Amino acid sequence: MSITRIPVAGVGFKAYEVLVGQGLLQDAAGHIVPFLKNRRTFIVTDAHVAPLHLAPAFLGFGLLSIA
């Protein structure tokens, strides 16, 4: 799997990277968990994106169901 890392930097906020590539949602936990200070996080989405992409992200975190 090829992942492209796009750096984002600006004035007034901390620089970060945007990852672009196939299969990233299935490994979302592997990319996000190392940066968490505690085990709580949230995913923001909408009615258009969620039906297409939320389930793979939940599965990547080991969650068996979507509330």
N, C-alpha and C. Protein backbone atom coordinates (compact mmCIF):
# COMPACT_ATOMS: atom_id res chain seq x y z
N MET A 1 0.85 -1.17 0.00
CA MET A 1 0.00 0.00 0.00
C MET A 1 0.90 1.24 0.00
N SER A 2 0.59 2.17 -0.85
CA SER A 2 1.34 3.41 -0.94
C SER A 2 0.60 4.52 -0.21
N ILE A 3 1.30 5.19 0.70
CA ILE A 3 0.72 6.30 1.45
C ILE A 3 1.48 7.57 1.10
N THR A 4 0.73 8.60 0.75
CA THR A 4 1.31 9.91 0.50
C THR A 4 1.10 10.75 1.75
N ARG A 5 2.16 11.36 2.23
CA ARG A 5 2.08 12.24 3.41
C ARG A 5 2.19 13.68 2.94
N ILE A 6 1.17 14.46 3.23
CA ILE A 6 1.13 15.86 2.81
C ILE A 6 1.27 16.73 4.05
N PRO A 7 2.37 17.47 4.17
CA PRO A 7 2.54 18.34 5.33
C PRO A 7 1.66 19.59 5.22
N VAL A 8 1.07 19.95 6.34
CA VAL A 8 0.23 21.16 6.42
C VAL A 8 0.82 22.04 7.50
N ALA A 9 1.17 23.25 7.14
CA ALA A 9 1.77 24.18 8.10
C ALA A 9 1.18 25.56 7.86
N GLY A 10 1.18 26.35 8.88
CA GLY A 10 0.66 27.70 8.76
C GLY A 10 0.98 28.51 10.00
N VAL A 11 0.50 29.70 10.02
CA VAL A 11 0.72 30.59 11.16
C VAL A 11 -0.44 30.41 12.13
N GLY A 12 -0.13 30.23 13.40
CA GLY A 12 -1.18 30.18 14.41
C GLY A 12 -1.66 28.78 14.76
N PHE A 13 -1.09 27.74 14.15
CA PHE A 13 -1.47 26.38 14.53
C PHE A 13 -0.28 25.45 14.33
N LYS A 14 -0.33 24.32 15.02
CA LYS A 14 0.74 23.35 14.95
C LYS A 14 0.69 22.62 13.60
N ALA A 15 1.83 22.43 12.98
CA ALA A 15 1.90 21.71 11.71
C ALA A 15 1.45 20.26 11.90
N TYR A 16 0.89 19.67 10.87
CA TYR A 16 0.45 18.28 10.90
C TYR A 16 0.55 17.69 9.50
N GLU A 17 0.33 16.39 9.40
CA GLU A 17 0.35 15.71 8.11
C GLU A 17 -1.03 15.17 7.78
N VAL A 18 -1.38 15.19 6.51
CA VAL A 18 -2.57 14.54 6.00
C VAL A 18 -2.09 13.30 5.25
N LEU A 19 -2.66 12.14 5.58
CA LEU A 19 -2.28 10.91 4.90
C LEU A 19 -3.31 10.61 3.82
N VAL A 20 -2.83 10.25 2.64
CA VAL A 20 -3.70 9.92 1.51
C VAL A 20 -3.27 8.56 0.98
N GLY A 21 -4.22 7.64 0.85
CA GLY A 21 -3.90 6.32 0.31
C GLY A 21 -5.04 5.35 0.51
N GLN A 22 -4.96 4.23 -0.17
CA GLN A 22 -6.00 3.21 -0.05
C GLN A 22 -5.80 2.41 1.22
N GLY A 23 -6.90 2.04 1.86
CA GLY A 23 -6.87 1.18 3.03
C GLY A 23 -6.51 1.88 4.34
N LEU A 24 -6.41 3.18 4.34
CA LEU A 24 -6.04 3.89 5.57
C LEU A 24 -7.11 3.77 6.66
N LEU A 25 -8.36 3.73 6.28
CA LEU A 25 -9.42 3.64 7.29
C LEU A 25 -9.38 2.32 8.04
N GLN A 26 -9.02 1.24 7.35
CA GLN A 26 -8.95 -0.05 8.02
C GLN A 26 -7.83 -0.06 9.06
N ASP A 27 -6.82 0.79 8.90
CA ASP A 27 -5.73 0.87 9.86
C ASP A 27 -5.75 2.21 10.58
N ALA A 28 -6.93 2.79 10.73
CA ALA A 28 -7.05 4.11 11.36
C ALA A 28 -6.46 4.11 12.77
N ALA A 29 -6.73 3.08 13.53
CA ALA A 29 -6.23 3.02 14.91
C ALA A 29 -4.71 3.04 14.93
N GLY A 30 -4.08 2.36 14.00
CA GLY A 30 -2.62 2.31 13.96
C GLY A 30 -2.00 3.67 13.71
N HIS A 31 -2.74 4.54 13.03
CA HIS A 31 -2.23 5.88 12.74
C HIS A 31 -2.61 6.90 13.82
N ILE A 32 -3.72 6.67 14.52
CA ILE A 32 -4.25 7.66 15.46
C ILE A 32 -3.85 7.38 16.90
N VAL A 33 -3.94 6.13 17.34
CA VAL A 33 -3.73 5.78 18.74
C VAL A 33 -2.38 6.26 19.29
N PRO A 34 -1.27 6.21 18.54
CA PRO A 34 -0.01 6.69 19.11
C PRO A 34 -0.03 8.17 19.53
N PHE A 35 -0.97 8.94 19.02
CA PHE A 35 -1.03 10.37 19.34
C PHE A 35 -2.04 10.70 20.44
N LEU A 36 -2.80 9.72 20.89
CA LEU A 36 -3.83 9.97 21.91
C LEU A 36 -3.21 10.05 23.30
N LYS A 37 -3.67 11.01 24.08
CA LYS A 37 -3.23 11.11 25.47
C LYS A 37 -4.03 10.18 26.36
N ASN A 38 -5.25 9.86 25.96
CA ASN A 38 -6.06 8.88 26.66
C ASN A 38 -6.76 8.04 25.59
N ARG A 39 -7.56 7.10 25.98
CA ARG A 39 -8.17 6.18 25.02
C ARG A 39 -9.44 6.71 24.38
N ARG A 40 -9.82 7.93 24.67
CA ARG A 40 -11.04 8.49 24.11
C ARG A 40 -10.74 9.32 22.88
N THR A 41 -11.56 9.15 21.87
CA THR A 41 -11.45 9.97 20.67
C THR A 41 -12.81 10.02 20.01
N PHE A 42 -12.96 10.79 18.98
CA PHE A 42 -14.22 10.84 18.25
C PHE A 42 -13.93 11.03 16.77
N ILE A 43 -14.89 10.63 15.98
CA ILE A 43 -14.80 10.78 14.53
C ILE A 43 -15.94 11.69 14.11
N VAL A 44 -15.61 12.74 13.40
CA VAL A 44 -16.61 13.68 12.90
C VAL A 44 -16.89 13.35 11.44
N THR A 45 -18.16 13.21 11.11
CA THR A 45 -18.54 12.89 9.73
C THR A 45 -19.90 13.50 9.45
N ASP A 46 -20.47 13.20 8.30
CA ASP A 46 -21.80 13.69 7.97
C ASP A 46 -22.60 12.57 7.30
N ALA A 47 -23.82 12.88 6.94
CA ALA A 47 -24.74 11.87 6.39
C ALA A 47 -24.31 11.38 5.01
N HIS A 48 -23.42 12.09 4.34
CA HIS A 48 -22.96 11.68 3.01
C HIS A 48 -21.74 10.77 3.10
N VAL A 49 -20.82 11.11 3.99
CA VAL A 49 -19.57 10.37 4.11
C VAL A 49 -19.72 9.12 4.98
N ALA A 50 -20.46 9.21 6.06
CA ALA A 50 -20.58 8.11 7.01
C ALA A 50 -21.02 6.79 6.38
N PRO A 51 -22.06 6.76 5.55
CA PRO A 51 -22.48 5.48 4.99
C PRO A 51 -21.41 4.81 4.12
N LEU A 52 -20.52 5.60 3.56
CA LEU A 52 -19.49 5.07 2.68
C LEU A 52 -18.21 4.67 3.42
N HIS A 53 -17.87 5.39 4.48
CA HIS A 53 -16.53 5.23 5.05
C HIS A 53 -16.45 5.00 6.55
N LEU A 54 -17.53 5.14 7.28
CA LEU A 54 -17.44 5.03 8.74
C LEU A 54 -17.23 3.60 9.22
N ALA A 55 -17.87 2.64 8.61
CA ALA A 55 -17.72 1.24 9.05
C ALA A 55 -16.27 0.77 9.00
N PRO A 56 -15.53 1.00 7.92
CA PRO A 56 -14.12 0.57 7.92
C PRO A 56 -13.30 1.22 9.03
N ALA A 57 -13.58 2.48 9.32
CA ALA A 57 -12.85 3.16 10.41
C ALA A 57 -13.18 2.51 11.75
N PHE A 58 -14.45 2.21 12.00
CA PHE A 58 -14.84 1.56 13.25
C PHE A 58 -14.19 0.18 13.35
N LEU A 59 -14.17 -0.55 12.26
CA LEU A 59 -13.54 -1.87 12.28
C LEU A 59 -12.04 -1.74 12.56
N GLY A 60 -11.42 -0.69 12.06
CA GLY A 60 -10.01 -0.45 12.31
C GLY A 60 -9.70 -0.21 13.77
N PHE A 61 -10.68 0.29 14.51
CA PHE A 61 -10.52 0.50 15.94
C PHE A 61 -10.97 -0.72 16.75
N GLY A 62 -11.42 -1.76 16.07
CA GLY A 62 -11.84 -2.97 16.76
C GLY A 62 -13.24 -2.89 17.31
N LEU A 63 -14.03 -1.94 16.85
CA LEU A 63 -15.40 -1.82 17.30
C LEU A 63 -16.29 -2.72 16.45
N LEU A 64 -17.19 -3.43 17.08
CA LEU A 64 -18.01 -4.39 16.36
C LEU A 64 -19.30 -3.82 15.83
N SER A 65 -19.72 -2.68 16.35
CA SER A 65 -20.99 -2.12 15.90
C SER A 65 -20.89 -0.61 15.83
N ILE A 66 -21.81 -0.03 15.10
CA ILE A 66 -21.87 1.42 14.95
C ILE A 66 -23.13 1.90 15.65
N ALA A 67 -22.97 2.86 16.56
CA ALA A 67 -24.12 3.38 17.31
C ALA A 67 -24.91 4.35 16.45
